[in-house]
C-alpha atoms as a PDB file:
ATOM      1  CA  MET A   1       4.875  -6.831  -6.921  1.00  0.00           C
ATOM      2  CA  ILE A   2       5.092  -6.561 -10.672  1.00  0.00           C
ATOM      3  CA  ASN A   3       5.046  -9.732 -12.769  1.00  0.00           C
ATOM      4  CA  PHE A   4       8.201  -9.228 -14.805  1.00  0.00           C
ATOM      5  CA  ASN A   5       9.482 -11.957 -17.063  1.00  0.00           C
ATOM      6  CA  LYS A   6      12.895 -13.511 -16.355  1.00  0.00           C
ATOM      7  CA  LYS A   7      14.884 -11.028 -18.485  1.00  0.00           C
ATOM      8  CA  GLN A   8      13.051  -8.050 -17.001  1.00  0.00           C
ATOM      9  CA  LYS A   9      13.653  -9.294 -13.450  1.00  0.00           C
ATOM     10  CA  LYS A  10      17.350  -9.680 -14.194  1.00  0.00           C
ATOM     11  CA  HIS A  11      17.497  -6.176 -15.665  1.00  0.00           C
ATOM     12  CA  ILE A  12      15.730  -4.646 -12.656  1.00  0.00           C
ATOM     13  CA  LYS A  13      18.076  -6.458 -10.265  1.00  0.00           C
ATOM     14  CA  GLU A  14      21.075  -5.179 -12.242  1.00  0.00           C
ATOM     15  CA  LEU A  15      19.722  -1.628 -12.053  1.00  0.00           C
ATOM     16  CA  ALA A  16      19.143  -1.971  -8.314  1.00  0.00           C
ATOM     17  CA  ALA A  17      22.738  -3.155  -7.904  1.00  0.00           C
ATOM     18  CA  LEU A  18      23.941  -0.173  -9.960  1.00  0.00           C
ATOM     19  CA  ALA A  19      21.941   2.245  -7.805  1.00  0.00           C
ATOM     20  CA  TYR A  20      23.277   0.592  -4.636  1.00  0.00           C
ATOM     21  CA  GLU A  21      26.838   0.970  -5.868  1.00  0.00           C
ATOM     22  CA  LYS A  22      26.301   4.626  -6.794  1.00  0.00           C
ATOM     23  CA  GLU A  23      24.777   5.436  -3.410  1.00  0.00           C
ATOM     24  CA  MET A  24      27.543   3.573  -1.573  1.00  0.00           C
ATOM     25  CA  ASN A  25      30.163   5.419  -3.619  1.00  0.00           C
ATOM     26  CA  ALA A  26      28.600   8.734  -2.576  1.00  0.00           C
ATOM     27  CA  ALA A  27      28.538   7.663   1.082  1.00  0.00           C
ATOM     28  CA  LEU A  28      32.158   6.536   0.909  1.00  0.00           C
ATOM     29  CA  GLY A  29      33.052   9.838  -0.747  1.00  0.00           C
ATOM     30  CA  ASP A  30      31.638  11.616   2.288  1.00  0.00           C
ATOM     31  CA  LEU A  31      33.669   9.350   4.542  1.00  0.00           C
ATOM     32  CA  SER A  32      36.758  10.008   2.437  1.00  0.00           C
ATOM     33  CA  GLU A  33      36.378  13.715   3.166  1.00  0.00           C
ATOM     34  CA  GLU A  34      36.555  12.885   6.862  1.00  0.00           C
ATOM     35  CA  PHE A  35      39.818  10.999   6.282  1.00  0.00           C
ATOM     36  CA  GLU A  36      41.204  14.093   4.550  1.00  0.00           C
ATOM     37  CA  LYS A  37      40.211  16.246   7.524  1.00  0.00           C
ATOM     38  CA  TRP A  38      42.004  13.781   9.799  1.00  0.00           C
ATOM     39  CA  LYS A  39      45.121  13.768   7.613  1.00  0.00           C
ATOM     40  CA  ASN A  40      45.163  17.569   7.650  1.00  0.00           C
ATOM     41  CA  GLY A  41      44.768  17.698  11.425  1.00  0.00           C
ATOM     42  CA  ALA A  42      41.300  19.261  11.312  1.00  0.00           C
ATOM     43  CA  ILE A  43      39.830  16.368  13.313  1.00  0.00           C
ATOM     44  CA  GLY A  44      41.370  13.857  15.686  1.00  0.00           C
ATOM     45  CA  ALA A  45      41.593  10.089  15.529  1.00  0.00           C
ATOM     46  CA  PHE A  46      38.608   9.605  17.808  1.00  0.00           C
ATOM     47  CA  ASP A  47      36.478  11.932  15.692  1.00  0.00           C
ATOM     48  CA  LEU A  48      37.421   9.985  12.566  1.00  0.00           C
ATOM     49  CA  ASN A  49      36.712   6.715  14.318  1.00  0.00           C
ATOM     50  CA  ASP A  50      33.275   8.047  15.252  1.00  0.00           C
ATOM     51  CA  LYS A  51      32.601   8.994  11.594  1.00  0.00           C
ATOM     52  CA  ILE A  52      33.614   5.489  10.487  1.00  0.00           C
ATOM     53  CA  HIS A  53      31.340   4.000  13.136  1.00  0.00           C
ATOM     54  CA  GLN A  54      28.433   6.216  12.024  1.00  0.00           C
ATOM     55  CA  HIS A  55      28.991   5.269   8.379  1.00  0.00           C
ATOM     56  CA  HIS A  56      29.069   1.561   9.123  1.00  0.00           C
ATOM     57  CA  ASN A  57      26.237   1.408  11.625  1.00  0.00           C
ATOM     58  CA  TYR A  58      23.878   3.839   9.941  1.00  0.00           C
ATOM     59  CA  LYS A  59      24.419   4.755   6.286  1.00  0.00           C
ATOM     60  CA  ALA A  60      25.932   1.467   5.096  1.00  0.00           C
ATOM     61  CA  LYS A  61      23.355  -0.612   6.980  1.00  0.00           C
ATOM     62  CA  GLU A  62      20.511   1.565   5.704  1.00  0.00           C
ATOM     63  CA  LEU A  63      21.669   1.067   2.122  1.00  0.00           C
ATOM     64  CA  TYR A  64      22.191  -2.664   2.660  1.00  0.00           C
ATOM     65  CA  LYS A  65      18.702  -3.123   4.070  1.00  0.00           C
ATOM     66  CA  PHE A  66      17.109  -1.087   1.309  1.00  0.00           C
ATOM     67  CA  TYR A  67      18.932  -2.658  -1.633  1.00  0.00           C
ATOM     68  CA  ASP A  68      19.821  -6.190  -0.530  1.00  0.00           C
ATOM     69  CA  MET A  69      16.779  -6.986   1.555  1.00  0.00           C
ATOM     70  CA  GLY A  70      14.189  -4.783  -0.124  1.00  0.00           C
ATOM     71  CA  ASN A  71      12.101  -4.805  -3.267  1.00  0.00           C
ATOM     72  CA  PRO A  72      14.261  -4.237  -6.393  1.00  0.00           C
ATOM     73  CA  GLU A  73      11.421  -2.539  -8.293  1.00  0.00           C
ATOM     74  CA  LEU A  74      10.938  -0.006  -5.499  1.00  0.00           C
ATOM     75  CA  ALA A  75      14.687   0.515  -5.247  1.00  0.00           C
ATOM     76  CA  VAL A  76      14.965   1.265  -8.961  1.00  0.00           C
ATOM     77  CA  ALA A  77      11.932   3.560  -8.946  1.00  0.00           C
ATOM     78  CA  ARG A  78      13.337   5.497  -5.969  1.00  0.00           C
ATOM     79  CA  ALA A  79      16.768   5.706  -7.590  1.00  0.00           C
ATOM     80  CA  ILE A  80      15.256   7.122 -10.775  1.00  0.00           C
ATOM     81  CA  ALA A  81      13.140   9.623  -8.821  1.00  0.00           C
ATOM     82  CA  ARG A  82      16.241  10.806  -6.947  1.00  0.00           C
ATOM     83  CA  GLY A  83      18.388  11.004 -10.076  1.00  0.00           C
ATOM     84  CA  ILE A  84      20.730   8.231  -8.950  1.00  0.00           C
ATOM     85  CA  ILE A  85      20.115   6.348 -12.164  1.00  0.00           C
ATOM     86  CA  ASN A  86      18.709   7.788 -15.352  1.00  0.00           C
ATOM     87  CA  GLU A  87      15.423   6.674 -16.896  1.00  0.00           C
ATOM     88  CA  ASN A  88      17.217   6.012 -20.186  1.00  0.00           C
ATOM     89  CA  GLU A  89      19.196   3.260 -18.409  1.00  0.00           C
ATOM     90  CA  VAL A  90      15.947   1.310 -17.985  1.00  0.00           C
ATOM     91  CA  LYS A  91      14.884  -0.890 -20.848  1.00  0.00           C
ATOM     92  CA  GLU A  92      11.711   0.185 -22.591  1.00  0.00           C
ATOM     93  CA  ASN A  93       9.839  -2.970 -21.647  1.00  0.00           C
ATOM     94  CA  CYS A  94      10.402  -2.213 -17.941  1.00  0.00           C
ATOM     95  CA  ILE A  95      10.012   1.535 -17.527  1.00  0.00           C
ATOM     96  CA  GLN A  96       6.268   1.506 -18.134  1.00  0.00           C
ATOM     97  CA  PHE A  97       5.784  -0.705 -15.072  1.00  0.00           C
ATOM     98  CA  LEU A  98       7.851   1.607 -12.876  1.00  0.00           C
ATOM     99  CA  GLU A  99       6.397   4.969 -13.907  1.00  0.00           C
ATOM    100  CA  ARG A 100       3.713   5.057 -11.235  1.00  0.00           C
ATOM    101  CA  MET A 101       6.191   4.233  -8.461  1.00  0.00           C
ATOM    102  CA  ILE A 102       8.650   6.815  -9.789  1.00  0.00           C
ATOM    103  CA  GLU A 103       5.970   9.502  -9.641  1.00  0.00           C
ATOM    104  CA  MET A 104       5.063   8.442  -6.112  1.00  0.00           C
ATOM    105  CA  PHE A 105       8.678   8.848  -4.981  1.00  0.00           C
ATOM    106  CA  LYS A 106       8.979  12.214  -6.741  1.00  0.00           C
ATOM    107  CA  GLU A 107       5.814  13.457  -5.041  1.00  0.00           C
ATOM    108  CA  ASN A 108       7.043  12.303  -1.634  1.00  0.00           C
ATOM    109  CA  GLU A 109      10.392  14.059  -2.159  1.00  0.00           C
ATOM    110  CA  THR A 110       8.646  17.374  -2.781  1.00  0.00           C
ATOM    111  CA  LEU A 111       6.574  16.936   0.378  1.00  0.00           C
ATOM    112  CA  ALA A 112       9.618  16.280   2.558  1.00  0.00           C
END
């Protein structure tokens, strides 16, 4: 764990919350598409209910565990590596501490 000062910790936590919100918005956007399919008769009520169940029990829980119960520095580094938040959103006095983790996440993405 990085020894950030109080202001840096607060900033990192704010960035992690921003990344969480952006990822949840994307997941809910996917779910919204399923509601549209249901409204248009492309899928039935039980199919939609299954999609809601999958969202809640898998994607939403995965995001909750990662962002609310995980390490904020890792969450921010991963979010930057994935393009969820932009490096220019990170204050200068914090980015230098995250660069190594960001590179690690970028390298792992290319291996996957």
